Amino acid sequence: MTSGEKLSFEEALQELEQMVTRLEASDLTLEEMLKLFERSQELLSLCEKALGEAELRLERLQPASGDSYEAAVPDDTTER
């Protein structure tokens, strides 16, 4: 990832999918494959971070009455 680059999860995933297509075509040099692999590791890290943040957001939600959800309120009585 270049400095200052801010891709969305969807953009990073799309770029990864395009890389797989290019790699499957197998008309790349070893150097090109290595560069794609390095870039894929950067994109994978970005995707994992985004998914982790989404998971945390979901964990902070708790079921409310009915089908709706509301943000969980921390229990102040627990020790930290």
N, C-alpha and C. Protein backbone atom coordinates (compact mmCIF):
# COMPACT_ATOMS: atom_id res chain seq x y z
N MET A 1 0.84 -1.17 0.00
CA MET A 1 0.00 0.00 0.00
C MET A 1 0.89 1.23 0.00
N THR A 2 0.57 2.18 -0.81
CA THR A 2 1.36 3.40 -0.84
C THR A 2 0.96 4.30 0.31
N SER A 3 1.88 5.16 0.72
CA SER A 3 1.57 6.04 1.84
C SER A 3 0.41 6.95 1.49
N GLY A 4 -0.49 7.10 2.43
CA GLY A 4 -1.65 7.94 2.21
C GLY A 4 -2.79 7.26 1.49
N GLU A 5 -2.58 6.03 1.03
CA GLU A 5 -3.63 5.32 0.31
C GLU A 5 -4.66 4.79 1.31
N LYS A 6 -5.91 5.05 1.04
CA LYS A 6 -6.98 4.61 1.92
C LYS A 6 -8.04 3.92 1.06
N LEU A 7 -7.97 2.60 1.01
CA LEU A 7 -8.94 1.83 0.25
C LEU A 7 -10.04 1.34 1.17
N SER A 8 -11.23 1.23 0.63
CA SER A 8 -12.31 0.61 1.39
C SER A 8 -12.11 -0.90 1.37
N PHE A 9 -12.82 -1.59 2.22
CA PHE A 9 -12.76 -3.05 2.23
C PHE A 9 -13.12 -3.60 0.86
N GLU A 10 -14.17 -3.06 0.28
CA GLU A 10 -14.64 -3.53 -1.02
C GLU A 10 -13.62 -3.30 -2.13
N GLU A 11 -12.94 -2.15 -2.10
CA GLU A 11 -11.91 -1.86 -3.10
C GLU A 11 -10.73 -2.82 -2.96
N ALA A 12 -10.33 -3.07 -1.72
CA ALA A 12 -9.21 -3.98 -1.48
C ALA A 12 -9.56 -5.40 -1.91
N LEU A 13 -10.77 -5.83 -1.60
CA LEU A 13 -11.21 -7.16 -2.00
C LEU A 13 -11.28 -7.29 -3.51
N GLN A 14 -11.76 -6.27 -4.19
CA GLN A 14 -11.83 -6.29 -5.65
C GLN A 14 -10.42 -6.38 -6.25
N GLU A 15 -9.48 -5.63 -5.68
CA GLU A 15 -8.11 -5.69 -6.18
C GLU A 15 -7.52 -7.08 -5.96
N LEU A 16 -7.81 -7.68 -4.82
CA LEU A 16 -7.34 -9.05 -4.56
C LEU A 16 -7.91 -10.03 -5.59
N GLU A 17 -9.19 -9.88 -5.89
CA GLU A 17 -9.82 -10.76 -6.88
C GLU A 17 -9.17 -10.60 -8.26
N GLN A 18 -8.84 -9.38 -8.62
CA GLN A 18 -8.17 -9.13 -9.89
C GLN A 18 -6.77 -9.77 -9.90
N MET A 19 -6.10 -9.73 -8.77
CA MET A 19 -4.78 -10.36 -8.67
C MET A 19 -4.87 -11.86 -8.88
N VAL A 20 -5.88 -12.48 -8.29
CA VAL A 20 -6.05 -13.92 -8.45
C VAL A 20 -6.24 -14.26 -9.93
N THR A 21 -7.05 -13.47 -10.60
CA THR A 21 -7.28 -13.69 -12.04
C THR A 21 -5.97 -13.59 -12.81
N ARG A 22 -5.17 -12.58 -12.49
CA ARG A 22 -3.87 -12.41 -13.18
C ARG A 22 -2.94 -13.58 -12.88
N LEU A 23 -2.91 -14.01 -11.63
CA LEU A 23 -2.03 -15.13 -11.27
C LEU A 23 -2.48 -16.44 -11.93
N GLU A 24 -3.78 -16.63 -12.04
CA GLU A 24 -4.30 -17.84 -12.68
C GLU A 24 -3.98 -17.88 -14.16
N ALA A 25 -3.83 -16.72 -14.78
CA ALA A 25 -3.48 -16.66 -16.19
C ALA A 25 -2.06 -17.17 -16.41
N SER A 26 -1.26 -17.13 -15.38
CA SER A 26 0.12 -17.63 -15.33
C SER A 26 1.00 -17.17 -16.50
N ASP A 27 0.80 -15.96 -16.94
CA ASP A 27 1.67 -15.41 -17.99
C ASP A 27 2.59 -14.32 -17.41
N LEU A 28 2.81 -14.40 -16.09
CA LEU A 28 3.61 -13.40 -15.41
C LEU A 28 5.02 -13.92 -15.15
N THR A 29 5.93 -12.99 -15.06
CA THR A 29 7.29 -13.37 -14.69
C THR A 29 7.33 -13.61 -13.18
N LEU A 30 8.38 -14.21 -12.73
CA LEU A 30 8.55 -14.46 -11.30
C LEU A 30 8.53 -13.14 -10.54
N GLU A 31 9.21 -12.14 -11.04
CA GLU A 31 9.25 -10.83 -10.38
C GLU A 31 7.85 -10.22 -10.28
N GLU A 32 7.06 -10.33 -11.35
CA GLU A 32 5.69 -9.80 -11.32
C GLU A 32 4.84 -10.55 -10.31
N MET A 33 5.03 -11.86 -10.23
CA MET A 33 4.28 -12.65 -9.25
C MET A 33 4.65 -12.27 -7.83
N LEU A 34 5.94 -12.04 -7.60
CA LEU A 34 6.37 -11.64 -6.26
C LEU A 34 5.80 -10.28 -5.87
N LYS A 35 5.76 -9.35 -6.81
CA LYS A 35 5.18 -8.04 -6.53
C LYS A 35 3.70 -8.15 -6.22
N LEU A 36 3.00 -9.00 -6.97
CA LEU A 36 1.58 -9.22 -6.70
C LEU A 36 1.39 -9.85 -5.32
N PHE A 37 2.25 -10.78 -4.98
CA PHE A 37 2.15 -11.42 -3.67
C PHE A 37 2.36 -10.40 -2.56
N GLU A 38 3.36 -9.55 -2.69
CA GLU A 38 3.62 -8.52 -1.69
C GLU A 38 2.42 -7.59 -1.54
N ARG A 39 1.87 -7.17 -2.66
CA ARG A 39 0.70 -6.29 -2.62
C ARG A 39 -0.49 -7.01 -1.99
N SER A 40 -0.63 -8.29 -2.31
CA SER A 40 -1.75 -9.04 -1.76
C SER A 40 -1.66 -9.12 -0.24
N GLN A 41 -0.46 -9.20 0.31
CA GLN A 41 -0.29 -9.24 1.75
C GLN A 41 -0.72 -7.92 2.38
N GLU A 42 -0.43 -6.82 1.72
CA GLU A 42 -0.87 -5.51 2.21
C GLU A 42 -2.40 -5.42 2.20
N LEU A 43 -2.99 -5.87 1.10
CA LEU A 43 -4.45 -5.82 0.97
C LEU A 43 -5.12 -6.77 1.97
N LEU A 44 -4.53 -7.92 2.17
CA LEU A 44 -5.07 -8.88 3.13
C LEU A 44 -5.08 -8.27 4.53
N SER A 45 -4.00 -7.61 4.88
CA SER A 45 -3.92 -6.96 6.19
C SER A 45 -5.01 -5.90 6.34
N LEU A 46 -5.22 -5.11 5.30
CA LEU A 46 -6.26 -4.09 5.31
C LEU A 46 -7.64 -4.73 5.49
N CYS A 47 -7.90 -5.81 4.76
CA CYS A 47 -9.20 -6.49 4.85
C CYS A 47 -9.40 -7.10 6.24
N GLU A 48 -8.37 -7.73 6.78
CA GLU A 48 -8.48 -8.32 8.12
C GLU A 48 -8.76 -7.25 9.17
N LYS A 49 -8.11 -6.11 9.04
CA LYS A 49 -8.36 -5.01 9.98
C LYS A 49 -9.80 -4.52 9.88
N ALA A 50 -10.27 -4.34 8.65
CA ALA A 50 -11.65 -3.87 8.46
C ALA A 50 -12.65 -4.87 9.01
N LEU A 51 -12.42 -6.16 8.78
CA LEU A 51 -13.32 -7.18 9.29
C LEU A 51 -13.28 -7.24 10.82
N GLY A 52 -12.09 -7.08 11.39
CA GLY A 52 -11.97 -7.06 12.85
C GLY A 52 -12.73 -5.90 13.46
N GLU A 53 -12.63 -4.73 12.83
CA GLU A 53 -13.36 -3.56 13.32
C GLU A 53 -14.87 -3.76 13.20
N ALA A 54 -15.29 -4.37 12.11
CA ALA A 54 -16.72 -4.64 11.93
C ALA A 54 -17.21 -5.63 12.98
N GLU A 55 -16.41 -6.64 13.26
CA GLU A 55 -16.77 -7.63 14.27
C GLU A 55 -16.92 -6.98 15.64
N LEU A 56 -16.01 -6.08 15.99
CA LEU A 56 -16.11 -5.36 17.27
C LEU A 56 -17.39 -4.54 17.34
N ARG A 57 -17.72 -3.89 16.24
CA ARG A 57 -18.95 -3.09 16.22
C ARG A 57 -20.17 -3.98 16.44
N LEU A 58 -20.17 -5.16 15.83
CA LEU A 58 -21.30 -6.08 16.00
C LEU A 58 -21.37 -6.62 17.42
N GLU A 59 -20.21 -6.87 18.02
CA GLU A 59 -20.18 -7.38 19.38
C GLU A 59 -20.70 -6.35 20.38
N ARG A 60 -20.57 -5.09 20.03
CA ARG A 60 -21.04 -4.03 20.93
C ARG A 60 -22.55 -3.86 20.88
N LEU A 61 -23.16 -4.50 19.90
CA LEU A 61 -24.61 -4.44 19.81
C LEU A 61 -25.19 -5.62 20.58
N GLN A 62 -26.27 -5.38 21.23
CA GLN A 62 -26.95 -6.48 21.90
C GLN A 62 -28.41 -6.46 21.50
N PRO A 63 -29.03 -7.61 21.44
CA PRO A 63 -30.43 -7.65 21.05
C PRO A 63 -31.28 -6.85 22.03
N ALA A 64 -32.16 -6.06 21.50
CA ALA A 64 -33.14 -5.34 22.30
C ALA A 64 -34.48 -6.06 22.12
N SER A 65 -35.52 -5.52 22.64
CA SER A 65 -36.82 -6.17 22.49
C SER A 65 -37.22 -6.22 21.02
N GLY A 66 -37.81 -7.32 20.63
CA GLY A 66 -38.21 -7.49 19.24
C GLY A 66 -37.03 -7.76 18.35
N ASP A 67 -37.09 -7.28 17.13
CA ASP A 67 -36.04 -7.51 16.15
C ASP A 67 -35.02 -6.38 16.08
N SER A 68 -35.19 -5.35 16.86
CA SER A 68 -34.28 -4.21 16.77
C SER A 68 -33.07 -4.42 17.67
N TYR A 69 -32.02 -3.70 17.39
CA TYR A 69 -30.78 -3.76 18.16
C TYR A 69 -30.44 -2.36 18.62
N GLU A 70 -29.77 -2.30 19.76
CA GLU A 70 -29.28 -1.02 20.25
C GLU A 70 -27.88 -1.21 20.80
N ALA A 71 -27.16 -0.13 20.90
CA ALA A 71 -25.78 -0.22 21.38
C ALA A 71 -25.77 -0.69 22.82
N ALA A 72 -24.85 -1.58 23.12
CA ALA A 72 -24.72 -2.10 24.48
C ALA A 72 -24.14 -1.02 25.38
N VAL A 73 -24.67 -0.94 26.59
CA VAL A 73 -24.17 0.02 27.56
C VAL A 73 -23.21 -0.74 28.47
N PRO A 74 -21.97 -0.25 28.61
CA PRO A 74 -21.01 -0.95 29.46
C PRO A 74 -21.50 -1.06 30.90
N ASP A 75 -21.23 -2.17 31.54
CA ASP A 75 -21.59 -2.39 32.92
C ASP A 75 -20.50 -1.77 33.80
N ASP A 76 -20.85 -0.69 34.50
CA ASP A 76 -19.88 0.03 35.32
C ASP A 76 -19.50 -0.72 36.59
N THR A 77 -20.21 -1.80 36.91
CA THR A 77 -19.95 -2.51 38.16
C THR A 77 -18.83 -3.53 38.01
N THR A 78 -18.42 -3.84 36.79
CA THR A 78 -17.36 -4.82 36.61
C THR A 78 -16.01 -4.17 36.83
N GLU A 79 -15.09 -4.96 37.42
CA GLU A 79 -13.74 -4.46 37.65
C GLU A 79 -12.93 -4.56 36.37
N ARG A 80 -11.98 -3.66 36.21
CA ARG A 80 -11.13 -3.68 35.02
C ARG A 80 -9.76 -4.12 35.36
